[in-house]
Amino acid sequence: MAAERTDTSRTTGRGSDQAVAAALQRYRFMANVVGVLLIALIVVAVPLKYLADMPTPVLVLGTAHGWLYFLFFLSAIDLALRAKWSLKGTVLTVLAGTVPFLSFYAERTATRKTRAGQRV
């Protein structure tokens, strides 16, 4: 009998709008965290490794970026499914998290389009 019940938050526009808004907030947070960590890794840690022979910052920031990128990936996929993004838009947005500074542009574009109700 429980299987026959439908979740009203998924079927009503209001509930799905709230779910998309929450997923967008998670995605935006993770996109900014991953973007900042990637810049710190490339601009600070890598030069320290090769110019000052200090490999520890790359190890720490690289590991943190890797794990947090996975959370970013999950939040982007969650948002893409909830907001019904195109496959191309989803792939490009996820890949933007691997390019310094591009993640910020992709986050702003995805936020603008999602809030406007457009497919990314």
Protein backbone atom coordinates (compact mmCIF):
# COMPACT_ATOMS: atom_id res chain seq x y z
CA MET A 1 0.00 0.00 0.00
CA ALA A 2 2.88 2.37 0.74
CA ALA A 3 4.23 1.78 -2.75
CA GLU A 4 0.95 3.04 -4.21
CA ARG A 5 1.28 6.45 -2.56
CA THR A 6 2.78 9.20 -4.63
CA ASP A 7 5.16 11.81 -3.35
CA THR A 8 3.32 15.10 -3.81
CA SER A 9 6.54 17.11 -3.67
CA ARG A 10 7.64 15.48 -6.92
CA THR A 11 4.39 15.88 -8.77
CA THR A 12 3.45 19.43 -7.86
CA GLY A 13 5.22 22.35 -9.42
CA ARG A 14 5.84 24.01 -6.08
CA GLY A 15 7.57 21.00 -4.53
CA SER A 16 9.73 20.42 -7.56
CA ASP A 17 10.64 24.13 -7.67
CA GLN A 18 11.81 23.87 -4.07
CA ALA A 19 13.79 20.74 -4.87
CA VAL A 20 15.47 22.46 -7.81
CA ALA A 21 16.23 25.53 -5.68
CA ALA A 22 17.81 23.36 -2.97
CA ALA A 23 19.82 21.39 -5.54
CA LEU A 24 20.94 24.66 -7.14
CA GLN A 25 22.13 25.97 -3.78
CA ARG A 26 24.15 22.78 -3.16
CA TYR A 27 25.61 22.92 -6.67
CA ARG A 28 26.59 26.60 -6.35
CA PHE A 29 28.33 25.99 -3.03
CA MET A 30 30.28 23.01 -4.34
CA ALA A 31 31.18 24.77 -7.61
CA ASN A 32 32.70 27.68 -5.70
CA VAL A 33 34.56 25.46 -3.22
CA VAL A 34 36.00 23.30 -6.01
CA GLY A 35 36.88 26.38 -8.08
CA VAL A 36 38.75 28.04 -5.22
CA LEU A 37 40.60 24.83 -4.34
CA LEU A 38 41.61 24.27 -7.95
CA ILE A 39 42.99 27.80 -8.23
CA ALA A 40 44.87 27.40 -4.93
CA LEU A 41 46.27 24.11 -6.18
CA ILE A 42 47.45 25.51 -9.52
CA VAL A 43 48.55 28.99 -8.40
CA VAL A 44 50.03 28.21 -4.97
CA ALA A 45 50.69 24.51 -4.39
CA VAL A 46 52.17 23.50 -7.75
CA PRO A 47 54.72 26.38 -7.80
CA LEU A 48 55.67 25.52 -4.20
CA LYS A 49 56.24 21.93 -5.21
CA TYR A 50 58.46 22.70 -8.18
CA LEU A 51 60.13 25.96 -7.12
CA ALA A 52 60.55 25.43 -3.38
CA ASP A 53 60.64 21.61 -3.27
CA MET A 54 57.57 21.50 -0.98
CA PRO A 55 55.32 18.63 -2.12
CA THR A 56 52.98 18.69 0.90
CA PRO A 57 50.63 21.48 -0.30
CA VAL A 58 50.01 19.61 -3.57
CA LEU A 59 49.29 16.44 -1.65
CA VAL A 60 46.86 18.15 0.73
CA LEU A 61 45.10 20.45 -1.75
CA GLY A 62 45.10 17.85 -4.51
CA THR A 63 43.48 15.25 -2.29
CA ALA A 64 40.93 17.76 -0.97
CA HIS A 65 40.13 18.91 -4.50
CA GLY A 66 39.68 15.33 -5.69
CA TRP A 67 37.23 14.38 -2.94
CA LEU A 68 35.33 17.65 -3.16
CA TYR A 69 35.19 17.41 -6.95
CA PHE A 70 33.35 14.12 -6.48
CA LEU A 71 30.79 15.90 -4.28
CA PHE A 72 30.58 18.67 -6.89
CA PHE A 73 29.97 16.03 -9.56
CA LEU A 74 27.15 14.49 -7.52
CA SER A 75 25.55 17.87 -6.83
CA ALA A 76 25.76 18.83 -10.53
CA ILE A 77 24.17 15.54 -11.60
CA ASP A 78 21.46 15.93 -8.95
CA LEU A 79 20.66 19.43 -10.20
CA ALA A 80 20.78 18.33 -13.84
CA LEU A 81 18.25 15.59 -13.20
CA ARG A 82 15.93 17.78 -11.15
CA ALA A 83 16.09 20.75 -13.56
CA LYS A 84 16.01 18.49 -16.64
CA TRP A 85 19.24 19.77 -18.16
CA SER A 86 20.40 18.52 -21.55
CA LEU A 87 23.12 15.87 -21.66
CA LYS A 88 25.49 18.30 -23.41
CA GLY A 89 24.90 21.03 -20.82
CA THR A 90 25.40 18.57 -17.97
CA VAL A 91 28.67 17.21 -19.37
CA LEU A 92 30.05 20.68 -20.11
CA THR A 93 29.12 21.94 -16.65
CA VAL A 94 30.75 18.96 -14.95
CA LEU A 95 33.90 19.29 -17.06
CA ALA A 96 34.11 23.01 -16.26
CA GLY A 97 34.96 22.01 -12.69
CA THR A 98 38.31 20.75 -13.93
CA VAL A 99 39.45 24.01 -15.55
CA PRO A 100 40.65 26.88 -13.34
CA PHE A 101 38.38 29.95 -13.46
CA LEU A 102 36.01 28.26 -15.93
CA SER A 103 34.05 26.70 -13.07
CA PHE A 104 32.96 30.16 -11.92
CA TYR A 105 31.68 31.07 -15.38
CA ALA A 106 29.86 27.73 -15.71
CA GLU A 107 28.31 28.16 -12.26
CA ARG A 108 26.97 31.64 -13.12
CA THR A 109 25.63 30.44 -16.47
CA ALA A 110 23.96 27.38 -14.95
CA THR A 111 22.47 29.48 -12.13
CA ARG A 112 21.11 32.10 -14.51
CA LYS A 113 19.55 29.57 -16.85
CA THR A 114 18.15 27.36 -14.08
CA ARG A 115 16.55 30.30 -12.31
CA ALA A 116 15.03 31.42 -15.62
CA GLY A 117 13.58 27.94 -16.14
CA GLN A 118 15.77 27.29 -19.18
CA ARG A 119 17.60 24.05 -19.88
CA VAL A 120 21.35 24.16 -19.49
